[in-house]
Amino acid sequence: MSKFDERIKDELAKRTDEDVHDLKDEIWNEINHELFEGRRTGMKRKKRWIPAVMIAAAAIVLAFTLQTEPGLALIKNIKDMFAPEKEIIQSIEGQDEPTEVHLNEGKDSEYIIYVDETRYKMVKGDDADVITTIEPLPEKYPEVSMEIKQYPNDPPEILAKQIEEELKNDFPELRPIETVTEPVEGFWLHGLTESKWDGKVIDVYVVSNGQDGSLVITENYFLEAAEGHGARFYHMLESFEIID
């Protein structure tokens, strides 16, 4: 079951009571059908997944005709999961900073992520999607980017070890692989080329794609930008959700 599936089922479980148990199962079946049956019939999900959730939310509104508190809370939660834009509070250099972020989806709609579009843009490529600064940085600065790439046939455990071996030459200060649950759930590698302001920093997250493969998220920035770009990438990744 994908992280997205689990979140909707968890909300249904938390926000409804025993009196509407049968209704809960019926609504979940509708959500599951609308979101994922299209894959079996060859229909592209790109134009379906947001409307499907809103259709399900409308069904719940009708079900809770008395506008009960649990019903309203559930509707708000589902809407918040897929709001086209929203405001978050992120800690940047020790200060809380309100930031408006916008919903973006992967090239083949396999994931969603909220991006701070005042500073960054998502560029969708044939092999990978890249989030980078809107304006190119001056040449003296190392690369600042977040790449998200699909590896459909490589399990996370094996792929993480392969990436670790590849990074050892370029990043002498590479930490051993860690298992993490934040900002995403998977394996994390962190490396640094040298301890000076423009030393290149890399963060690699290897997560399950919900099937037999992996998604690899690679963040590049430099040491002086760790509390700036590095922190912003971290907060954006907290919104990362696999759809398929």
Protein backbone atom coordinates (compact mmCIF):
# COMPACT_ATOMS: atom_id res chain seq x y z
CA MET A 1 0.00 0.00 0.00
CA SER A 2 1.36 3.44 -0.93
CA LYS A 3 1.94 6.26 1.54
CA PHE A 4 -0.97 8.10 -0.10
CA ASP A 5 -3.34 5.14 0.36
CA GLU A 6 -2.37 4.90 4.02
CA ARG A 7 -2.98 8.58 4.70
CA ILE A 8 -6.52 8.54 3.32
CA LYS A 9 -7.39 5.30 5.12
CA ASP A 10 -5.90 6.67 8.34
CA GLU A 11 -7.99 9.82 8.07
CA LEU A 12 -11.13 7.82 7.45
CA ALA A 13 -10.34 5.70 10.49
CA LYS A 14 -9.62 8.68 12.73
CA ARG A 15 -12.39 11.01 11.62
CA THR A 16 -15.37 8.65 11.54
CA ASP A 17 -17.06 6.67 14.30
CA GLU A 18 -18.72 3.26 14.68
CA ASP A 19 -22.10 4.59 13.55
CA VAL A 20 -20.75 5.24 10.05
CA HIS A 21 -18.44 2.21 9.77
CA ASP A 22 -20.22 0.76 6.72
CA LEU A 23 -20.30 4.16 5.06
CA LYS A 24 -16.57 4.57 5.64
CA ASP A 25 -15.81 1.36 3.73
CA GLU A 26 -18.10 2.36 0.90
CA ILE A 27 -16.46 5.78 0.54
CA TRP A 28 -12.97 4.28 0.65
CA ASN A 29 -13.90 1.83 -2.12
CA GLU A 30 -15.09 4.75 -4.24
CA ILE A 31 -11.85 6.66 -3.64
CA ASN A 32 -9.77 3.61 -4.48
CA HIS A 33 -11.78 2.95 -7.64
CA GLU A 34 -11.62 6.53 -8.89
CA LEU A 35 -7.92 6.96 -8.19
CA PHE A 36 -6.51 3.67 -9.39
CA GLU A 37 -8.91 1.84 -11.72
CA GLY A 38 -7.78 4.11 -14.55
CA ARG A 39 -4.38 2.44 -14.54
CA ARG A 40 -5.94 -0.94 -15.32
CA THR A 41 -7.96 0.42 -18.23
CA GLY A 42 -5.05 2.37 -19.70
CA MET A 43 -6.51 5.74 -18.73
CA LYS A 44 -3.93 8.33 -17.69
CA ARG A 45 -4.27 9.41 -14.07
CA LYS A 46 -2.84 12.86 -14.58
CA LYS A 47 -6.25 14.45 -15.11
CA ARG A 48 -8.08 12.26 -12.63
CA TRP A 49 -6.44 12.13 -9.25
CA ILE A 50 -7.31 15.58 -7.90
CA PRO A 51 -10.92 15.55 -9.18
CA ALA A 52 -11.37 12.06 -7.78
CA VAL A 53 -10.47 13.17 -4.29
CA MET A 54 -12.84 16.12 -4.54
CA ILE A 55 -15.63 13.81 -5.72
CA ALA A 56 -14.99 11.60 -2.71
CA ALA A 57 -15.01 14.64 -0.45
CA ALA A 58 -18.37 15.71 -1.89
CA ALA A 59 -19.73 12.23 -1.19
CA ILE A 60 -18.67 12.53 2.42
CA VAL A 61 -20.32 15.95 2.70
CA LEU A 62 -23.60 14.41 1.56
CA ALA A 63 -23.13 11.53 3.96
CA PHE A 64 -22.61 13.84 6.92
CA THR A 65 -25.81 15.81 6.26
CA LEU A 66 -25.77 17.33 9.71
CA GLN A 67 -22.32 18.86 9.08
CA THR A 68 -20.85 17.02 12.05
CA GLU A 69 -17.45 17.99 13.40
CA PRO A 70 -15.77 14.68 12.32
CA GLY A 71 -17.15 15.07 8.81
CA LEU A 72 -15.95 18.64 8.42
CA ALA A 73 -12.53 17.76 9.81
CA LEU A 74 -12.13 14.94 7.29
CA ILE A 75 -13.12 17.17 4.36
CA LYS A 76 -10.60 19.81 5.40
CA ASN A 77 -7.84 17.22 5.73
CA ILE A 78 -8.42 15.77 2.26
CA LYS A 79 -8.57 19.24 0.71
CA ASP A 80 -5.36 20.25 2.48
CA MET A 81 -3.57 17.19 1.06
CA PHE A 82 -4.15 18.44 -2.49
CA ALA A 83 -4.63 22.20 -2.21
CA PRO A 84 -3.13 23.87 -5.30
CA GLU A 85 -1.30 26.24 -2.98
CA LYS A 86 -0.95 26.68 0.77
CA GLU A 87 1.12 28.46 3.37
CA ILE A 88 3.61 26.61 5.55
CA ILE A 89 5.85 27.76 8.37
CA GLN A 90 9.45 26.68 7.90
CA SER A 91 12.48 27.27 10.07
CA ILE A 92 15.22 29.01 8.07
CA GLU A 93 18.45 29.97 9.84
CA GLY A 94 16.69 29.70 13.20
CA GLN A 95 13.75 31.91 12.23
CA ASP A 96 10.17 30.82 11.49
CA GLU A 97 9.30 31.91 7.96
CA PRO A 98 5.78 31.80 6.47
CA THR A 99 6.10 30.52 2.89
CA GLU A 100 3.53 29.97 0.16
CA VAL A 101 4.10 26.69 -1.67
CA HIS A 102 2.48 25.29 -4.81
CA LEU A 103 1.50 21.76 -5.73
CA ASN A 104 3.63 20.10 -8.40
CA GLU A 105 3.47 16.55 -9.75
CA GLY A 106 6.06 14.30 -11.30
CA LYS A 107 6.33 13.88 -15.04
CA ASP A 108 4.21 10.73 -15.06
CA SER A 109 2.10 11.72 -12.04
CA GLU A 110 3.86 9.16 -9.83
CA TYR A 111 4.35 11.65 -6.99
CA ILE A 112 3.43 15.11 -5.75
CA ILE A 113 5.51 17.74 -3.97
CA TYR A 114 4.89 21.30 -2.84
CA VAL A 115 7.45 23.77 -4.22
CA ASP A 116 8.33 27.28 -3.07
CA GLU A 117 7.84 28.88 -6.48
CA THR A 118 9.09 32.29 -5.36
CA ARG A 119 12.61 30.83 -5.36
CA TYR A 120 12.50 27.55 -7.27
CA LYS A 121 11.08 25.95 -10.39
CA MET A 122 10.49 22.34 -11.38
CA VAL A 123 11.93 21.25 -14.71
CA LYS A 124 10.55 17.93 -15.98
CA GLY A 125 12.96 15.90 -18.07
CA ASP A 126 12.87 12.58 -19.89
CA ASP A 127 14.88 10.77 -17.20
CA ALA A 128 14.33 12.89 -14.10
CA ASP A 129 12.61 15.96 -12.66
CA VAL A 130 14.78 18.74 -11.24
CA ILE A 131 13.88 21.50 -8.80
CA THR A 132 16.35 24.35 -9.07
CA THR A 133 16.63 28.09 -8.49
CA ILE A 134 14.50 30.29 -10.74
CA GLU A 135 17.52 32.43 -11.58
CA PRO A 136 20.86 30.71 -12.20
CA LEU A 137 23.40 31.32 -9.46
CA PRO A 138 26.66 33.17 -10.26
CA GLU A 139 29.45 30.90 -11.50
CA LYS A 140 31.37 31.01 -8.21
CA TYR A 141 28.62 29.05 -6.46
CA PRO A 142 28.34 25.25 -6.69
CA GLU A 143 25.19 23.64 -8.04
CA VAL A 144 21.92 24.01 -6.11
CA SER A 145 19.26 21.50 -7.17
CA MET A 146 17.01 18.65 -6.14
CA GLU A 147 16.68 15.80 -8.64
CA ILE A 148 13.91 13.19 -8.41
CA LYS A 149 14.50 10.09 -10.52
CA GLN A 150 12.64 6.82 -10.95
CA TYR A 151 14.42 3.45 -10.83
CA PRO A 152 11.56 1.03 -11.56
CA ASN A 153 13.54 -2.21 -11.17
CA ASP A 154 15.96 -1.43 -8.33
CA PRO A 155 14.93 -2.16 -4.71
CA PRO A 156 15.88 0.65 -2.28
CA GLU A 157 18.20 -1.46 -0.10
CA ILE A 158 20.36 -2.55 -3.04
CA LEU A 159 20.29 0.80 -4.82
CA ALA A 160 21.32 2.72 -1.69
CA LYS A 161 24.46 0.57 -1.37
CA GLN A 162 25.32 1.09 -5.05
CA ILE A 163 24.97 4.86 -4.71
CA GLU A 164 27.10 4.81 -1.56
CA GLU A 165 29.97 3.16 -3.47
CA GLU A 166 29.66 5.67 -6.32
CA LEU A 167 29.78 8.69 -3.99
CA LYS A 168 32.82 7.64 -1.95
CA ASN A 169 35.32 8.96 -4.49
CA ASP A 170 33.82 12.43 -4.81
CA PHE A 171 32.73 12.87 -1.19
CA PRO A 172 35.49 11.84 1.22
CA GLU A 173 33.31 12.88 4.19
CA LEU A 174 30.45 10.54 3.30
CA ARG A 175 28.40 9.26 6.20
CA PRO A 176 27.27 5.63 6.35
CA ILE A 177 23.77 4.88 5.07
CA GLU A 178 21.06 5.75 7.59
CA THR A 179 17.44 4.62 7.73
CA VAL A 180 15.18 7.67 8.19
CA THR A 181 11.51 8.52 8.49
CA GLU A 182 11.86 12.29 7.99
CA PRO A 183 11.58 14.17 5.70
CA VAL A 184 10.77 10.98 3.77
CA GLU A 185 10.83 7.30 4.71
CA GLY A 186 13.77 5.41 3.28
CA PHE A 187 17.58 5.44 3.18
CA TRP A 188 19.70 8.59 3.51
CA LEU A 189 23.26 9.39 2.46
CA HIS A 190 24.99 12.67 3.32
CA GLY A 191 28.34 13.79 1.98
CA LEU A 192 30.67 16.81 1.90
CA THR A 193 33.67 17.46 -0.34
CA GLU A 194 35.53 19.80 2.03
CA SER A 195 34.87 21.98 5.08
CA LYS A 196 34.89 25.44 3.52
CA TRP A 197 32.10 27.80 2.48
CA ASP A 198 31.80 26.45 -1.06
CA GLY A 199 32.32 22.80 -0.17
CA LYS A 200 29.80 20.72 -2.12
CA VAL A 201 27.12 19.02 -0.06
CA ILE A 202 24.98 16.10 -1.22
CA ASP A 203 21.93 14.50 0.36
CA VAL A 204 20.52 11.38 -1.28
CA TYR A 205 17.22 9.80 -0.24
CA VAL A 206 16.33 6.39 -1.65
CA VAL A 207 12.66 5.52 -1.14
CA SER A 208 10.37 2.76 -2.30
CA ASN A 209 8.22 3.64 -5.31
CA GLY A 210 5.40 1.52 -3.86
CA GLN A 211 6.12 -1.31 -6.30
CA ASP A 212 9.36 -3.15 -7.07
CA GLY A 213 11.63 -0.15 -7.54
CA SER A 214 12.82 3.10 -6.06
CA LEU A 215 12.70 6.85 -6.33
CA VAL A 216 16.02 8.58 -5.72
CA ILE A 217 15.99 12.18 -4.51
CA THR A 218 19.38 13.89 -4.83
CA GLU A 219 19.95 17.31 -3.28
CA ASN A 220 23.00 19.38 -4.27
CA TYR A 221 24.01 22.58 -2.51
CA PHE A 222 27.07 24.00 -0.72
CA LEU A 223 28.12 24.28 2.91
CA GLU A 224 27.30 27.96 3.36
CA ALA A 225 23.79 27.29 1.98
CA ALA A 226 23.02 24.39 4.34
CA GLU A 227 20.70 26.52 6.50
CA GLY A 228 19.21 28.21 3.44
CA HIS A 229 18.75 26.04 0.35
CA GLY A 230 19.40 22.87 2.35
CA ALA A 231 16.67 23.69 4.87
CA ARG A 232 14.23 24.73 2.14
CA PHE A 233 14.76 21.46 0.28
CA TYR A 234 14.14 19.57 3.52
CA HIS A 235 10.81 21.35 4.09
CA MET A 236 9.73 20.78 0.49
CA LEU A 237 10.51 17.08 0.84
CA GLU A 238 8.24 16.87 3.88
CA SER A 239 5.33 17.30 1.45
CA PHE A 240 6.57 14.56 -0.90
CA GLU A 241 3.93 11.85 -1.54
CA ILE A 242 4.08 8.85 -3.86
CA ILE A 243 0.80 8.48 -5.77
CA ASP A 244 1.26 5.18 -7.60
